[in-house]
Structure formats: structure tokens, C-alpha cells
Amino acid sequence: MIEYLENAEIARVTGATKPPAQAEWLKTRGIPHQVDGKRIIVSRIHVQAWLEGRPTRVSTGPNWAALSNAQSH
């Protein structure tokens, strides 16, 4: 299985055919995704988690605080 949704699948999930509307729909529902020019990249794992009601976390980079806390123990 391909990790990322195809364009037709994104349209089916969001109910929108235009990338800006798709991105807005995903953002409103808290589904992590990336806008790359005119395309939307969204992982099947994140959509599956949303469908199951599980929270999805968006990484903003390494958690350096967690690393320094682990070293001090």
C-alpha cells in the first residue's frame, strides 16, 4: 500500500477538488498534511487515526527538552 493518499482519494475524503479547499478541510479537522505547490501530501496513517478518533500529533521538530531530561536521569 502506498503511504500517501492519491489526489482522487484526497478529493473523496475532503469532498473538495481544489487543493486550497482540501488543505483547509484537513487543517480544520487537525489532520497533518503538507502543501507542496499545487498538491497536498497527507499520510494514510493520519487519516486512519482521524477516522478512528485517535489524536494525531504534528511534529514541529526535535524535542530537545526531552533529550536533555533523559540525559540527566
PDB file of N, CA and C in Angstrom:
ATOM      1  N   MET A   1       0.839  -1.177   0.000  1.00  0.00           N
ATOM      2  CA  MET A   1       0.000   0.000   0.000  1.00  0.00           C
ATOM      3  C   MET A   1       0.886   1.244   0.000  1.00  0.00           C
ATOM      4  N   ILE A   2       0.493   2.224  -0.750  1.00  0.00           N
ATOM      5  CA  ILE A   2       1.212   3.494  -0.824  1.00  0.00           C
ATOM      6  C   ILE A   2       0.939   4.291   0.452  1.00  0.00           C
ATOM      7  N   GLU A   3       1.989   4.897   1.004  1.00  0.00           N
ATOM      8  CA  GLU A   3       1.851   5.619   2.281  1.00  0.00           C
ATOM      9  C   GLU A   3       0.973   6.860   2.183  1.00  0.00           C
ATOM     10  N   TYR A   4       0.983   7.528   1.031  1.00  0.00           N
ATOM     11  CA  TYR A   4       0.263   8.792   0.905  1.00  0.00           C
ATOM     12  C   TYR A   4      -0.972   8.629   0.026  1.00  0.00           C
ATOM     13  N   LEU A   5      -2.003   9.411   0.346  1.00  0.00           N
ATOM     14  CA  LEU A   5      -3.234   9.362  -0.437  1.00  0.00           C
ATOM     15  C   LEU A   5      -2.995   9.908  -1.843  1.00  0.00           C
ATOM     16  N   GLU A   6      -3.645   9.290  -2.808  1.00  0.00           N
ATOM     17  CA  GLU A   6      -3.633   9.782  -4.182  1.00  0.00           C
ATOM     18  C   GLU A   6      -4.570  10.995  -4.250  1.00  0.00           C
ATOM     19  N   ASN A   7      -4.430  11.808  -5.294  1.00  0.00           N
ATOM     20  CA  ASN A   7      -5.262  13.008  -5.445  1.00  0.00           C
ATOM     21  C   ASN A   7      -6.752  12.685  -5.394  1.00  0.00           C
ATOM     22  N   ALA A   8      -7.170  11.616  -6.085  1.00  0.00           N
ATOM     23  CA  ALA A   8      -8.587  11.246  -6.098  1.00  0.00           C
ATOM     24  C   ALA A   8      -9.069  10.860  -4.700  1.00  0.00           C
ATOM     25  N   GLU A   9      -8.211  10.229  -3.922  1.00  0.00           N
ATOM     26  CA  GLU A   9      -8.582   9.838  -2.560  1.00  0.00           C
ATOM     27  C   GLU A   9      -8.727  11.065  -1.662  1.00  0.00           C
ATOM     28  N   ILE A  10      -7.836  12.028  -1.833  1.00  0.00           N
ATOM     29  CA  ILE A  10      -7.945  13.258  -1.042  1.00  0.00           C
ATOM     30  C   ILE A  10      -9.256  13.961  -1.369  1.00  0.00           C
ATOM     31  N   ALA A  11      -9.599  13.995  -2.639  1.00  0.00           N
ATOM     32  CA  ALA A  11     -10.862  14.620  -3.050  1.00  0.00           C
ATOM     33  C   ALA A  11     -12.050  13.880  -2.441  1.00  0.00           C
ATOM     34  N   ARG A  12     -11.981  12.555  -2.411  1.00  0.00           N
ATOM     35  CA  ARG A  12     -13.077  11.760  -1.838  1.00  0.00           C
ATOM     36  C   ARG A  12     -13.204  11.995  -0.340  1.00  0.00           C
ATOM     37  N   VAL A  13     -12.088  12.048   0.358  1.00  0.00           N
ATOM     38  CA  VAL A  13     -12.101  12.247   1.813  1.00  0.00           C
ATOM     39  C   VAL A  13     -12.596  13.649   2.173  1.00  0.00           C
ATOM     40  N   THR A  14     -12.083  14.652   1.460  1.00  0.00           N
ATOM     41  CA  THR A  14     -12.392  16.035   1.812  1.00  0.00           C
ATOM     42  C   THR A  14     -13.683  16.546   1.185  1.00  0.00           C
ATOM     43  N   GLY A  15     -14.100  15.915   0.093  1.00  0.00           N
ATOM     44  CA  GLY A  15     -15.273  16.403  -0.624  1.00  0.00           C
ATOM     45  C   GLY A  15     -14.965  17.624  -1.472  1.00  0.00           C
ATOM     46  N   ALA A  16     -13.683  17.924  -1.638  1.00  0.00           N
ATOM     47  CA  ALA A  16     -13.257  19.092  -2.414  1.00  0.00           C
ATOM     48  C   ALA A  16     -12.293  18.651  -3.512  1.00  0.00           C
ATOM     49  N   THR A  17     -12.330  19.343  -4.628  1.00  0.00           N
ATOM     50  CA  THR A  17     -11.444  19.005  -5.736  1.00  0.00           C
ATOM     51  C   THR A  17     -10.254  19.944  -5.852  1.00  0.00           C
ATOM     52  N   LYS A  18     -10.330  21.106  -5.269  1.00  0.00           N
ATOM     53  CA  LYS A  18      -9.256  22.101  -5.350  1.00  0.00           C
ATOM     54  C   LYS A  18      -8.339  21.998  -4.123  1.00  0.00           C
ATOM     55  N   PRO A  19      -7.015  21.970  -4.343  1.00  0.00           N
ATOM     56  CA  PRO A  19      -6.078  21.843  -3.221  1.00  0.00           C
ATOM     57  C   PRO A  19      -6.266  22.844  -2.080  1.00  0.00           C
ATOM     58  N   PRO A  20      -6.540  24.130  -2.337  1.00  0.00           N
ATOM     59  CA  PRO A  20      -6.727  25.031  -1.188  1.00  0.00           C
ATOM     60  C   PRO A  20      -7.906  24.613  -0.293  1.00  0.00           C
ATOM     61  N   ALA A  21      -8.993  24.171  -0.911  1.00  0.00           N
ATOM     62  CA  ALA A  21     -10.152  23.725  -0.128  1.00  0.00           C
ATOM     63  C   ALA A  21      -9.835  22.416   0.597  1.00  0.00           C
ATOM     64  N   GLN A  22      -9.078  21.546  -0.044  1.00  0.00           N
ATOM     65  CA  GLN A  22      -8.685  20.288   0.598  1.00  0.00           C
ATOM     66  C   GLN A  22      -7.805  20.570   1.818  1.00  0.00           C
ATOM     67  N   ALA A  23      -6.834  21.462   1.654  1.00  0.00           N
ATOM     68  CA  ALA A  23      -5.940  21.806   2.758  1.00  0.00           C
ATOM     69  C   ALA A  23      -6.709  22.418   3.917  1.00  0.00           C
ATOM     70  N   GLU A  24      -7.668  23.273   3.610  1.00  0.00           N
ATOM     71  CA  GLU A  24      -8.486  23.890   4.665  1.00  0.00           C
ATOM     72  C   GLU A  24      -9.296  22.837   5.409  1.00  0.00           C
ATOM     73  N   TRP A  25      -9.877  21.901   4.679  1.00  0.00           N
ATOM     74  CA  TRP A  25     -10.671  20.824   5.286  1.00  0.00           C
ATOM     75  C   TRP A  25      -9.789  20.006   6.224  1.00  0.00           C
ATOM     76  N   LEU A  26      -8.595  19.634   5.765  1.00  0.00           N
ATOM     77  CA  LEU A  26      -7.676  18.843   6.584  1.00  0.00           C
ATOM     78  C   LEU A  26      -7.238  19.627   7.822  1.00  0.00           C
ATOM     79  N   LYS A  27      -6.915  20.899   7.629  1.00  0.00           N
ATOM     80  CA  LYS A  27      -6.477  21.741   8.735  1.00  0.00           C
ATOM     81  C   LYS A  27      -7.572  21.877   9.791  1.00  0.00           C
ATOM     82  N   THR A  28      -8.802  22.112   9.347  1.00  0.00           N
ATOM     83  CA  THR A  28      -9.928  22.275  10.271  1.00  0.00           C
ATOM     84  C   THR A  28     -10.117  21.034  11.141  1.00  0.00           C
ATOM     85  N   ARG A  29      -9.830  19.888  10.591  1.00  0.00           N
ATOM     86  CA  ARG A  29     -10.012  18.632  11.323  1.00  0.00           C
ATOM     87  C   ARG A  29      -8.752  18.151  12.029  1.00  0.00           C
ATOM     88  N   GLY A  30      -7.694  18.936  11.934  1.00  0.00           N
ATOM     89  CA  GLY A  30      -6.459  18.603  12.638  1.00  0.00           C
ATOM     90  C   GLY A  30      -5.699  17.441  12.034  1.00  0.00           C
ATOM     91  N   ILE A  31      -5.875  17.209  10.743  1.00  0.00           N
ATOM     92  CA  ILE A  31      -5.176  16.111  10.074  1.00  0.00           C
ATOM     93  C   ILE A  31      -3.876  16.662   9.496  1.00  0.00           C
ATOM     94  N   PRO A  32      -2.735  16.174   9.985  1.00  0.00           N
ATOM     95  CA  PRO A  32      -1.460  16.677   9.481  1.00  0.00           C
ATOM     96  C   PRO A  32      -1.328  16.447   7.972  1.00  0.00           C
ATOM     97  N   HIS A  33      -0.810  17.452   7.295  1.00  0.00           N
ATOM     98  CA  HIS A  33      -0.608  17.385   5.848  1.00  0.00           C
ATOM     99  C   HIS A  33       0.393  18.459   5.458  1.00  0.00           C
ATOM    100  N   GLN A  34       0.880  18.377   4.245  1.00  0.00           N
ATOM    101  CA  GLN A  34       1.791  19.383   3.710  1.00  0.00           C
ATOM    102  C   GLN A  34       1.267  19.854   2.366  1.00  0.00           C
ATOM    103  N   VAL A  35       1.400  21.136   2.122  1.00  0.00           N
ATOM    104  CA  VAL A  35       1.059  21.698   0.825  1.00  0.00           C
ATOM    105  C   VAL A  35       2.378  21.866   0.078  1.00  0.00           C
ATOM    106  N   ASP A  36       2.466  21.241  -1.086  1.00  0.00           N
ATOM    107  CA  ASP A  36       3.675  21.302  -1.905  1.00  0.00           C
ATOM    108  C   ASP A  36       3.275  21.848  -3.270  1.00  0.00           C
ATOM    109  N   GLY A  37       3.317  23.160  -3.374  1.00  0.00           N
ATOM    110  CA  GLY A  37       2.858  23.786  -4.614  1.00  0.00           C
ATOM    111  C   GLY A  37       1.357  23.630  -4.743  1.00  0.00           C
ATOM    112  N   LYS A  38       0.931  22.935  -5.776  1.00  0.00           N
ATOM    113  CA  LYS A  38      -0.499  22.734  -6.003  1.00  0.00           C
ATOM    114  C   LYS A  38      -0.980  21.379  -5.516  1.00  0.00           C
ATOM    115  N   ARG A  39      -0.121  20.629  -4.852  1.00  0.00           N
ATOM    116  CA  ARG A  39      -0.566  19.312  -4.382  1.00  0.00           C
ATOM    117  C   ARG A  39      -0.554  19.242  -2.863  1.00  0.00           C
ATOM    118  N   ILE A  40      -1.373  18.331  -2.367  1.00  0.00           N
ATOM    119  CA  ILE A  40      -1.486  18.099  -0.929  1.00  0.00           C
ATOM    120  C   ILE A  40      -0.876  16.728  -0.644  1.00  0.00           C
ATOM    121  N   ILE A  41      -0.058  16.662   0.370  1.00  0.00           N
ATOM    122  CA  ILE A  41       0.533  15.394   0.777  1.00  0.00           C
ATOM    123  C   ILE A  41      -0.028  15.065   2.150  1.00  0.00           C
ATOM    124  N   VAL A  42      -0.709  13.922   2.233  1.00  0.00           N
ATOM    125  CA  VAL A  42      -1.300  13.506   3.511  1.00  0.00           C
ATOM    126  C   VAL A  42      -1.130  11.995   3.650  1.00  0.00           C
ATOM    127  N   SER A  43      -0.712  11.585   4.825  1.00  0.00           N
ATOM    128  CA  SER A  43      -0.447  10.185   5.101  1.00  0.00           C
ATOM    129  C   SER A  43      -1.747   9.425   5.387  1.00  0.00           C
ATOM    130  N   ARG A  44      -1.817   8.220   4.881  1.00  0.00           N
ATOM    131  CA  ARG A  44      -2.952   7.342   5.178  1.00  0.00           C
ATOM    132  C   ARG A  44      -3.072   7.107   6.684  1.00  0.00           C
ATOM    133  N   ILE A  45      -1.935   7.036   7.346  1.00  0.00           N
ATOM    134  CA  ILE A  45      -1.919   6.786   8.790  1.00  0.00           C
ATOM    135  C   ILE A  45      -2.647   7.893   9.534  1.00  0.00           C
ATOM    136  N   HIS A  46      -2.438   9.145   9.116  1.00  0.00           N
ATOM    137  CA  HIS A  46      -3.095  10.259   9.794  1.00  0.00           C
ATOM    138  C   HIS A  46      -4.600  10.274   9.528  1.00  0.00           C
ATOM    139  N   VAL A  47      -4.992   9.960   8.312  1.00  0.00           N
ATOM    140  CA  VAL A  47      -6.425   9.907   8.003  1.00  0.00           C
ATOM    141  C   VAL A  47      -7.070   8.758   8.771  1.00  0.00           C
ATOM    142  N   GLN A  48      -6.406   7.617   8.832  1.00  0.00           N
ATOM    143  CA  GLN A  48      -6.927   6.469   9.573  1.00  0.00           C
ATOM    144  C   GLN A  48      -7.095   6.817  11.055  1.00  0.00           C
ATOM    145  N   ALA A  49      -6.098   7.480  11.630  1.00  0.00           N
ATOM    146  CA  ALA A  49      -6.183   7.876  13.044  1.00  0.00           C
ATOM    147  C   ALA A  49      -7.367   8.806  13.264  1.00  0.00           C
ATOM    148  N   TRP A  50      -7.561   9.762  12.362  1.00  0.00           N
ATOM    149  CA  TRP A  50      -8.693  10.694  12.484  1.00  0.00           C
ATOM    150  C   TRP A  50     -10.016   9.943  12.407  1.00  0.00           C
ATOM    151  N   LEU A  51     -10.121   9.003  11.482  1.00  0.00           N
ATOM    152  CA  LEU A  51     -11.353   8.222  11.355  1.00  0.00           C
ATOM    153  C   LEU A  51     -11.644   7.411  12.614  1.00  0.00           C
ATOM    154  N   GLU A  52     -10.596   6.947  13.254  1.00  0.00           N
ATOM    155  CA  GLU A  52     -10.753   6.144  14.477  1.00  0.00           C
ATOM    156  C   GLU A  52     -10.901   6.999  15.726  1.00  0.00           C
ATOM    157  N   GLY A  53     -10.794   8.315  15.573  1.00  0.00           N
ATOM    158  CA  GLY A  53     -10.929   9.204  16.722  1.00  0.00           C
ATOM    159  C   GLY A  53      -9.683   9.320  17.562  1.00  0.00           C
ATOM    160  N   ARG A  54      -8.564   8.833  17.029  1.00  0.00           N
ATOM    161  CA  ARG A  54      -7.302   8.945  17.761  1.00  0.00           C
ATOM    162  C   ARG A  54      -6.667  10.298  17.472  1.00  0.00           C
ATOM    163  N   PRO A  55      -6.033  10.896  18.461  1.00  0.00           N
ATOM    164  CA  PRO A  55      -5.370  12.184  18.217  1.00  0.00           C
ATOM    165  C   PRO A  55      -4.143  11.987  17.326  1.00  0.00           C
ATOM    166  N   THR A  56      -3.894  12.960  16.487  1.00  0.00           N
ATOM    167  CA  THR A  56      -2.683  12.957  15.670  1.00  0.00           C
ATOM    168  C   THR A  56      -1.828  14.112  16.130  1.00  0.00           C
ATOM    169  N   ARG A  57      -0.548  13.858  16.232  1.00  0.00           N
ATOM    170  CA  ARG A  57       0.365  14.901  16.688  1.00  0.00           C
ATOM    171  C   ARG A  57       1.153  15.421  15.498  1.00  0.00           C
ATOM    172  N   VAL A  58       1.294  16.718  15.451  1.00  0.00           N
ATOM    173  CA  VAL A  58       2.088  17.349  14.411  1.00  0.00           C
ATOM    174  C   VAL A  58       3.437  17.704  15.008  1.00  0.00           C
ATOM    175  N   SER A  59       4.482  17.167  14.436  1.00  0.00           N
ATOM    176  CA  SER A  59       5.828  17.451  14.917  1.00  0.00           C
ATOM    177  C   SER A  59       6.295  18.804  14.399  1.00  0.00           C
ATOM    178  N   THR A  60       6.886  19.567  15.284  1.00  0.00           N
ATOM    179  CA  THR A  60       7.468  20.835  14.865  1.00  0.00           C
ATOM    180  C   THR A  60       8.985  20.749  14.928  1.00  0.00           C
ATOM    181  N   GLY A  61       9.491  19.529  15.049  1.00  0.00           N
ATOM    182  CA  GLY A  61      10.932  19.320  15.101  1.00  0.00           C
ATOM    183  C   GLY A  61      11.304  18.516  16.330  1.00  0.00           C
ATOM    184  N   PRO A  62      12.591  18.342  16.563  1.00  0.00           N
ATOM    185  CA  PRO A  62      13.038  17.551  17.712  1.00  0.00           C
ATOM    186  C   PRO A  62      12.636  18.199  19.035  1.00  0.00           C
ATOM    187  N   ASN A  63      12.330  17.375  20.005  1.00  0.00           N
ATOM    188  CA  ASN A  63      12.029  17.846  21.350  1.00  0.00           C
ATOM    189  C   ASN A  63      13.332  17.815  22.142  1.00  0.00           C
ATOM    190  N   TRP A  64      14.087  18.894  22.051  1.00  0.00           N
ATOM    191  CA  TRP A  64      15.395  18.947  22.700  1.00  0.00           C
ATOM    192  C   TRP A  64      15.275  18.874  24.213  1.00  0.00           C
ATOM    193  N   ALA A  65      14.192  19.365  24.775  1.00  0.00           N
ATOM    194  CA  ALA A  65      13.994  19.310  26.226  1.00  0.00           C
ATOM    195  C   ALA A  65      13.900  17.865  26.701  1.00  0.00           C
ATOM    196  N   ALA A  66      13.234  17.032  25.945  1.00  0.00           N
ATOM    197  CA  ALA A  66      13.115  15.623  26.319  1.00  0.00           C
ATOM    198  C   ALA A  66      14.481  14.946  26.291  1.00  0.00           C
ATOM    199  N   LEU A  67      15.292  15.311  25.345  1.00  0.00           N
ATOM    200  CA  LEU A  67      16.626  14.738  25.239  1.00  0.00           C
ATOM    201  C   LEU A  67      17.491  15.138  26.444  1.00  0.00           C
ATOM    202  N   SER A  68      17.456  16.386  26.818  1.00  0.00           N
ATOM    203  CA  SER A  68      18.271  16.836  27.951  1.00  0.00           C
ATOM    204  C   SER A  68      17.739  16.253  29.251  1.00  0.00           C
ATOM    205  N   ASN A  69      16.425  16.067  29.374  1.00  0.00           N
ATOM    206  CA  ASN A  69      15.860  15.446  30.581  1.00  0.00           C
ATOM    207  C   ASN A  69      16.278  13.992  30.681  1.00  0.00           C
ATOM    208  N   ALA A  70      16.335  13.286  29.546  1.00  0.00           N
ATOM    209  CA  ALA A  70      16.722  11.871  29.561  1.00  0.00           C
ATOM    210  C   ALA A  70      18.171  11.700  29.969  1.00  0.00           C
ATOM    211  N   GLN A  71      19.019  12.632  29.613  1.00  0.00           N
ATOM    212  CA  GLN A  71      20.442  12.539  29.944  1.00  0.00           C
ATOM    213  C   GLN A  71      20.704  12.835  31.418  1.00  0.00           C
ATOM    214  N   SER A  72      19.825  13.598  32.051  1.00  0.00           N
ATOM    215  CA  SER A  72      20.040  13.981  33.439  1.00  0.00           C
ATOM    216  C   SER A  72      19.579  12.917  34.422  1.00  0.00           C
ATOM    217  N   HIS A  73      18.930  11.842  33.929  1.00  0.00           N
ATOM    218  CA  HIS A  73      18.418  10.800  34.822  1.00  0.00           C
ATOM    219  C   HIS A  73      19.356   9.658  34.939  1.00  0.00           C
TER     220      HIS A  73
END
